[in-house]
Amino acid sequence: MKNFECLTIFGFVAYSIETAMYDIKWTIPHCVLSLRLIGQAIDVFDGTQREEKLSKGQRETALRTLPTFLEISGHVFYPGSFMIGPQFSLRRYVDFVKGEFSPVGNRYIFLLYCLAISTVTY
C-alpha cells in the first residue's frame, strides 16, 4: 500500500510543479475511492488468515464474512469523508452503523475539532 501512496504523492507533486500551483481536481475523490477499496480488500484478505498470524490492529479490522454491496457502497460513498478522507476500515464503519462503535475520549474531541475545521474551511 505504501507504493501506491508514494505513486499518488509523486503524481500530485509532478502536477503541481508543472502547473506552478496545487489544485484539488477530480483525481482527489478517485484517489480516496481507490484507497478505500484497497483497504476493504486488505481487510477481507486479513479475515481469511489465521488469528495468530495477524497483528492486533489487523484482528480488529479483519472481515470474517464478505460485506454486502450495501455495506461496501455505504462505506465508499460515506458523505462525511467521500471527497477528501479520512480513511477508516469497513469494520469500523459497519460497527458504527450498528451502534457498536462510538468514538470516546480524545478521539471524540479530535473528531469534533476536525469537523469544526472542515466546516470553517469549506
N, C-alpha and C. Protein backbone atom coordinates (compact mmCIF):
# COMPACT_ATOMS: atom_id res chain seq x y z
N MET A 1 0.83 -1.19 0.00
CA MET A 1 0.00 0.00 0.00
C MET A 1 0.87 1.25 0.00
N LYS A 2 2.03 1.18 0.59
CA LYS A 2 2.90 2.34 0.64
C LYS A 2 3.36 2.75 -0.77
N ASN A 3 3.59 1.77 -1.66
CA ASN A 3 3.99 2.09 -3.02
C ASN A 3 2.91 2.89 -3.74
N PHE A 4 1.65 2.50 -3.52
CA PHE A 4 0.54 3.21 -4.14
C PHE A 4 0.48 4.65 -3.64
N GLU A 5 0.65 4.82 -2.32
CA GLU A 5 0.60 6.17 -1.76
C GLU A 5 1.75 7.01 -2.28
N CYS A 6 2.95 6.42 -2.40
CA CYS A 6 4.10 7.15 -2.93
C CYS A 6 3.86 7.56 -4.37
N LEU A 7 3.28 6.66 -5.16
CA LEU A 7 2.99 6.96 -6.55
C LEU A 7 1.98 8.09 -6.67
N THR A 8 0.97 8.08 -5.80
CA THR A 8 -0.04 9.13 -5.81
C THR A 8 0.58 10.47 -5.43
N ILE A 9 1.40 10.48 -4.39
CA ILE A 9 2.07 11.72 -3.97
C ILE A 9 2.98 12.22 -5.08
N PHE A 10 3.71 11.32 -5.72
CA PHE A 10 4.59 11.71 -6.83
C PHE A 10 3.78 12.37 -7.95
N GLY A 11 2.61 11.80 -8.26
CA GLY A 11 1.77 12.37 -9.31
C GLY A 11 1.31 13.78 -8.97
N PHE A 12 0.92 14.01 -7.72
CA PHE A 12 0.48 15.34 -7.31
C PHE A 12 1.63 16.34 -7.30
N VAL A 13 2.82 15.90 -6.87
CA VAL A 13 3.98 16.80 -6.87
C VAL A 13 4.35 17.14 -8.31
N ALA A 14 4.38 16.15 -9.19
CA ALA A 14 4.71 16.41 -10.59
C ALA A 14 3.69 17.37 -11.22
N TYR A 15 2.40 17.18 -10.90
CA TYR A 15 1.37 18.06 -11.43
C TYR A 15 1.53 19.48 -10.90
N SER A 16 1.81 19.62 -9.61
CA SER A 16 1.93 20.96 -9.03
C SER A 16 3.16 21.69 -9.56
N ILE A 17 4.24 20.96 -9.85
CA ILE A 17 5.43 21.59 -10.43
C ILE A 17 5.13 22.05 -11.85
N GLU A 18 4.41 21.22 -12.59
CA GLU A 18 4.10 21.53 -13.97
C GLU A 18 3.18 22.74 -14.09
N THR A 19 2.20 22.85 -13.20
CA THR A 19 1.23 23.94 -13.30
C THR A 19 1.55 25.11 -12.38
N ALA A 20 2.60 24.98 -11.57
CA ALA A 20 3.04 26.03 -10.63
C ALA A 20 2.01 26.34 -9.56
N MET A 21 1.05 25.43 -9.34
CA MET A 21 0.09 25.60 -8.26
C MET A 21 -0.54 24.25 -7.95
N TYR A 22 -1.12 24.15 -6.77
CA TYR A 22 -1.77 22.91 -6.37
C TYR A 22 -3.27 23.09 -6.46
N ASP A 23 -3.90 22.25 -7.20
CA ASP A 23 -5.36 22.29 -7.36
C ASP A 23 -5.95 20.98 -6.87
N ILE A 24 -7.11 21.07 -6.27
CA ILE A 24 -7.86 19.85 -5.97
C ILE A 24 -8.74 19.59 -7.18
N LYS A 25 -8.40 18.56 -7.88
CA LYS A 25 -9.11 18.22 -9.11
C LYS A 25 -9.99 17.01 -8.87
N TRP A 26 -10.53 16.47 -9.93
CA TRP A 26 -11.38 15.30 -9.84
C TRP A 26 -10.60 14.08 -9.39
N THR A 27 -9.27 14.12 -9.42
CA THR A 27 -8.47 12.96 -9.05
C THR A 27 -8.48 12.70 -7.54
N ILE A 28 -8.72 13.71 -6.73
CA ILE A 28 -8.71 13.53 -5.28
C ILE A 28 -9.81 12.55 -4.84
N PRO A 29 -11.08 12.74 -5.21
CA PRO A 29 -12.09 11.75 -4.80
C PRO A 29 -11.79 10.35 -5.35
N HIS A 30 -11.22 10.28 -6.54
CA HIS A 30 -10.90 8.97 -7.10
C HIS A 30 -9.75 8.32 -6.33
N CYS A 31 -8.83 9.12 -5.86
CA CYS A 31 -7.75 8.61 -5.02
C CYS A 31 -8.31 8.07 -3.71
N VAL A 32 -9.21 8.82 -3.09
CA VAL A 32 -9.85 8.38 -1.84
C VAL A 32 -10.63 7.10 -2.09
N LEU A 33 -11.36 7.03 -3.19
CA LEU A 33 -12.11 5.84 -3.55
C LEU A 33 -11.18 4.64 -3.70
N SER A 34 -10.07 4.83 -4.40
CA SER A 34 -9.11 3.74 -4.60
C SER A 34 -8.53 3.26 -3.28
N LEU A 35 -8.16 4.19 -2.41
CA LEU A 35 -7.60 3.81 -1.12
C LEU A 35 -8.63 3.07 -0.27
N ARG A 36 -9.90 3.49 -0.32
CA ARG A 36 -10.94 2.79 0.42
C ARG A 36 -11.10 1.36 -0.06
N LEU A 37 -11.16 1.19 -1.38
CA LEU A 37 -11.35 -0.15 -1.93
C LEU A 37 -10.14 -1.04 -1.66
N ILE A 38 -8.95 -0.48 -1.71
CA ILE A 38 -7.75 -1.25 -1.37
C ILE A 38 -7.81 -1.68 0.10
N GLY A 39 -8.21 -0.76 0.97
CA GLY A 39 -8.35 -1.09 2.38
C GLY A 39 -9.37 -2.19 2.63
N GLN A 40 -10.49 -2.14 1.89
CA GLN A 40 -11.50 -3.19 2.03
C GLN A 40 -10.96 -4.54 1.60
N ALA A 41 -10.23 -4.55 0.50
CA ALA A 41 -9.65 -5.81 0.02
C ALA A 41 -8.66 -6.38 1.04
N ILE A 42 -7.87 -5.52 1.64
CA ILE A 42 -6.90 -5.98 2.65
C ILE A 42 -7.64 -6.51 3.88
N ASP A 43 -8.71 -5.85 4.30
CA ASP A 43 -9.48 -6.32 5.45
C ASP A 43 -10.14 -7.68 5.18
N VAL A 44 -10.64 -7.87 3.97
CA VAL A 44 -11.23 -9.17 3.61
C VAL A 44 -10.14 -10.24 3.57
N PHE A 45 -8.98 -9.90 3.02
CA PHE A 45 -7.86 -10.85 3.00
C PHE A 45 -7.43 -11.22 4.41
N ASP A 46 -7.33 -10.22 5.28
CA ASP A 46 -6.97 -10.49 6.68
C ASP A 46 -7.98 -11.42 7.35
N GLY A 47 -9.23 -11.32 6.95
CA GLY A 47 -10.25 -12.18 7.52
C GLY A 47 -10.09 -13.64 7.14
N THR A 48 -9.34 -13.93 6.08
CA THR A 48 -9.12 -15.32 5.67
C THR A 48 -7.89 -15.93 6.35
N GLN A 49 -7.11 -15.12 7.05
CA GLN A 49 -5.89 -15.59 7.70
C GLN A 49 -6.19 -16.13 9.09
N ARG A 50 -5.26 -16.92 9.62
CA ARG A 50 -5.40 -17.44 10.99
C ARG A 50 -5.16 -16.31 11.99
N GLU A 51 -5.87 -16.39 13.11
CA GLU A 51 -5.79 -15.34 14.15
C GLU A 51 -4.38 -15.08 14.62
N GLU A 52 -3.61 -16.13 14.88
CA GLU A 52 -2.27 -15.97 15.45
C GLU A 52 -1.29 -15.32 14.46
N LYS A 53 -1.66 -15.30 13.20
CA LYS A 53 -0.80 -14.70 12.18
C LYS A 53 -0.99 -13.18 12.07
N LEU A 54 -2.08 -12.67 12.62
CA LEU A 54 -2.44 -11.27 12.46
C LEU A 54 -1.97 -10.43 13.65
N SER A 55 -1.68 -9.18 13.38
CA SER A 55 -1.35 -8.24 14.45
C SER A 55 -2.64 -7.82 15.15
N LYS A 56 -2.50 -7.08 16.23
CA LYS A 56 -3.68 -6.63 16.98
C LYS A 56 -4.59 -5.75 16.11
N GLY A 57 -3.99 -4.82 15.38
CA GLY A 57 -4.76 -3.94 14.51
C GLY A 57 -5.47 -4.70 13.39
N GLN A 58 -4.79 -5.70 12.84
CA GLN A 58 -5.41 -6.50 11.79
C GLN A 58 -6.57 -7.32 12.33
N ARG A 59 -6.44 -7.83 13.55
CA ARG A 59 -7.54 -8.60 14.15
C ARG A 59 -8.76 -7.71 14.37
N GLU A 60 -8.53 -6.44 14.74
CA GLU A 60 -9.64 -5.53 14.99
C GLU A 60 -10.40 -5.17 13.72
N THR A 61 -9.72 -5.12 12.59
CA THR A 61 -10.37 -4.67 11.35
C THR A 61 -10.64 -5.79 10.35
N ALA A 62 -10.21 -7.01 10.64
CA ALA A 62 -10.41 -8.12 9.71
C ALA A 62 -11.89 -8.42 9.54
N LEU A 63 -12.28 -8.71 8.31
CA LEU A 63 -13.67 -9.05 8.00
C LEU A 63 -13.76 -10.55 7.78
N ARG A 64 -14.42 -11.25 8.69
CA ARG A 64 -14.52 -12.72 8.60
C ARG A 64 -15.55 -13.16 7.57
N THR A 65 -16.52 -12.30 7.26
CA THR A 65 -17.51 -12.61 6.22
C THR A 65 -17.44 -11.51 5.17
N LEU A 66 -17.84 -11.86 3.96
CA LEU A 66 -17.83 -10.87 2.89
C LEU A 66 -18.89 -9.81 3.16
N PRO A 67 -18.54 -8.54 3.00
CA PRO A 67 -19.53 -7.47 3.21
C PRO A 67 -20.55 -7.46 2.07
N THR A 68 -21.73 -6.97 2.38
CA THR A 68 -22.76 -6.85 1.35
C THR A 68 -22.47 -5.65 0.45
N PHE A 69 -23.15 -5.62 -0.67
CA PHE A 69 -22.98 -4.50 -1.60
C PHE A 69 -23.37 -3.18 -0.95
N LEU A 70 -24.42 -3.21 -0.14
CA LEU A 70 -24.88 -2.01 0.55
C LEU A 70 -23.83 -1.51 1.55
N GLU A 71 -23.19 -2.42 2.29
CA GLU A 71 -22.14 -2.04 3.23
C GLU A 71 -20.95 -1.43 2.51
N ILE A 72 -20.55 -2.05 1.40
CA ILE A 72 -19.42 -1.52 0.63
C ILE A 72 -19.74 -0.14 0.09
N SER A 73 -20.93 0.00 -0.50
CA SER A 73 -21.32 1.29 -1.07
C SER A 73 -21.44 2.37 0.00
N GLY A 74 -22.02 2.02 1.13
CA GLY A 74 -22.15 2.99 2.22
C GLY A 74 -20.80 3.44 2.73
N HIS A 75 -19.85 2.53 2.83
CA HIS A 75 -18.50 2.87 3.30
C HIS A 75 -17.77 3.72 2.27
N VAL A 76 -17.83 3.33 1.02
CA VAL A 76 -17.09 4.05 -0.03
C VAL A 76 -17.64 5.46 -0.24
N PHE A 77 -18.96 5.60 -0.24
CA PHE A 77 -19.57 6.89 -0.54
C PHE A 77 -20.10 7.60 0.71
N TYR A 78 -19.53 7.30 1.87
CA TYR A 78 -19.94 7.96 3.11
C TYR A 78 -19.76 9.47 2.96
N PRO A 79 -20.82 10.27 3.09
CA PRO A 79 -20.74 11.70 2.80
C PRO A 79 -19.73 12.46 3.65
N GLY A 80 -19.48 12.00 4.86
CA GLY A 80 -18.57 12.72 5.75
C GLY A 80 -17.12 12.65 5.33
N SER A 81 -16.78 11.72 4.44
CA SER A 81 -15.37 11.59 4.08
C SER A 81 -15.15 11.14 2.64
N PHE A 82 -16.14 11.28 1.80
CA PHE A 82 -16.02 10.82 0.42
C PHE A 82 -15.00 11.64 -0.38
N MET A 83 -15.04 12.95 -0.24
CA MET A 83 -14.21 13.80 -1.10
C MET A 83 -12.74 13.85 -0.69
N ILE A 84 -12.47 13.91 0.60
CA ILE A 84 -11.08 14.13 1.00
C ILE A 84 -10.58 13.17 2.07
N GLY A 85 -11.38 12.28 2.55
CA GLY A 85 -10.95 11.35 3.60
C GLY A 85 -11.60 11.73 4.89
N PRO A 86 -11.22 11.24 6.00
CA PRO A 86 -10.10 10.35 6.29
C PRO A 86 -10.43 8.89 5.99
N GLN A 87 -9.40 8.08 5.98
CA GLN A 87 -9.57 6.65 5.73
C GLN A 87 -9.90 5.94 7.03
N PHE A 88 -10.85 5.03 6.98
CA PHE A 88 -11.18 4.19 8.12
C PHE A 88 -11.67 2.86 7.57
N SER A 89 -11.55 1.83 8.37
CA SER A 89 -11.86 0.48 7.90
C SER A 89 -13.36 0.26 7.77
N LEU A 90 -13.70 -0.67 6.91
CA LEU A 90 -15.10 -1.04 6.72
C LEU A 90 -15.67 -1.64 8.01
N ARG A 91 -14.85 -2.34 8.74
CA ARG A 91 -15.30 -2.94 10.00
C ARG A 91 -15.74 -1.85 10.98
N ARG A 92 -14.94 -0.79 11.08
CA ARG A 92 -15.33 0.32 11.96
C ARG A 92 -16.61 0.98 11.49
N TYR A 93 -16.75 1.14 10.17
CA TYR A 93 -17.95 1.76 9.62
C TYR A 93 -19.19 0.92 9.95
N VAL A 94 -19.11 -0.39 9.73
CA VAL A 94 -20.25 -1.27 10.00
C VAL A 94 -20.58 -1.27 11.49
N ASP A 95 -19.55 -1.33 12.33
CA ASP A 95 -19.79 -1.27 13.77
C ASP A 95 -20.44 0.04 14.18
N PHE A 96 -20.02 1.14 13.57
CA PHE A 96 -20.60 2.45 13.87
C PHE A 96 -22.07 2.50 13.45
N VAL A 97 -22.37 1.98 12.27
CA VAL A 97 -23.75 1.99 11.78
C VAL A 97 -24.64 1.12 12.67
N LYS A 98 -24.11 0.00 13.15
CA LYS A 98 -24.89 -0.88 14.02
C LYS A 98 -24.98 -0.35 15.45
N GLY A 99 -24.22 0.69 15.77
CA GLY A 99 -24.25 1.25 17.11
C GLY A 99 -23.31 0.57 18.08
N GLU A 100 -22.40 -0.27 17.56
CA GLU A 100 -21.47 -1.00 18.41
C GLU A 100 -20.15 -0.26 18.61
N PHE A 101 -19.91 0.78 17.85
CA PHE A 101 -18.67 1.54 17.96
C PHE A 101 -19.02 3.01 18.15
N SER A 102 -18.44 3.61 19.14
CA SER A 102 -18.63 5.05 19.32
C SER A 102 -17.30 5.66 19.72
N PRO A 103 -16.94 6.76 19.10
CA PRO A 103 -15.69 7.42 19.47
C PRO A 103 -15.81 7.98 20.88
N VAL A 104 -14.82 7.72 21.69
CA VAL A 104 -14.86 8.19 23.07
C VAL A 104 -13.57 8.93 23.40
N GLY A 105 -13.63 9.74 24.43
CA GLY A 105 -12.43 10.41 24.94
C GLY A 105 -11.80 11.34 23.93
N ASN A 106 -10.48 11.24 23.80
CA ASN A 106 -9.72 12.13 22.94
C ASN A 106 -10.10 11.98 21.47
N ARG A 107 -10.49 10.78 21.07
CA ARG A 107 -10.90 10.59 19.67
C ARG A 107 -12.13 11.43 19.35
N TYR A 108 -13.07 11.47 20.27
CA TYR A 108 -14.30 12.23 20.04
C TYR A 108 -14.00 13.72 19.97
N ILE A 109 -13.15 14.19 20.84
CA ILE A 109 -12.76 15.61 20.83
C ILE A 109 -12.04 15.94 19.53
N PHE A 110 -11.15 15.05 19.10
CA PHE A 110 -10.43 15.25 17.84
C PHE A 110 -11.40 15.25 16.66
N LEU A 111 -12.38 14.37 16.70
CA LEU A 111 -13.39 14.32 15.64
C LEU A 111 -14.16 15.63 15.56
N LEU A 112 -14.56 16.16 16.69
CA LEU A 112 -15.28 17.44 16.70
C LEU A 112 -14.40 18.58 16.21
N TYR A 113 -13.12 18.54 16.57
CA TYR A 113 -12.17 19.55 16.11
C TYR A 113 -12.05 19.50 14.59
N CYS A 114 -11.88 18.30 14.04
CA CYS A 114 -11.75 18.16 12.58
C CYS A 114 -13.03 18.60 11.87
N LEU A 115 -14.17 18.27 12.46
CA LEU A 115 -15.44 18.68 11.87
C LEU A 115 -15.56 20.20 11.85
N ALA A 116 -15.16 20.84 12.93
CA ALA A 116 -15.21 22.31 13.00
C ALA A 116 -14.27 22.94 11.98
N ILE A 117 -13.06 22.42 11.87
CA ILE A 117 -12.09 22.95 10.91
C ILE A 117 -12.60 22.79 9.49
N SER A 118 -13.11 21.59 9.16
CA SER A 118 -13.59 21.38 7.79
C SER A 118 -14.81 22.25 7.49
N THR A 119 -15.64 22.51 8.48
CA THR A 119 -16.80 23.38 8.27
C THR A 119 -16.38 24.80 8.00
N VAL A 120 -15.38 25.28 8.75
CA VAL A 120 -14.91 26.64 8.59
C VAL A 120 -14.20 26.83 7.25
N THR A 121 -13.41 25.83 6.84
CA THR A 121 -12.62 25.99 5.62
C THR A 121 -13.42 25.79 4.36
N TYR A 122 -14.58 25.16 4.44
CA TYR A 122 -15.39 24.99 3.24
C TYR A 122 -16.52 25.94 3.30
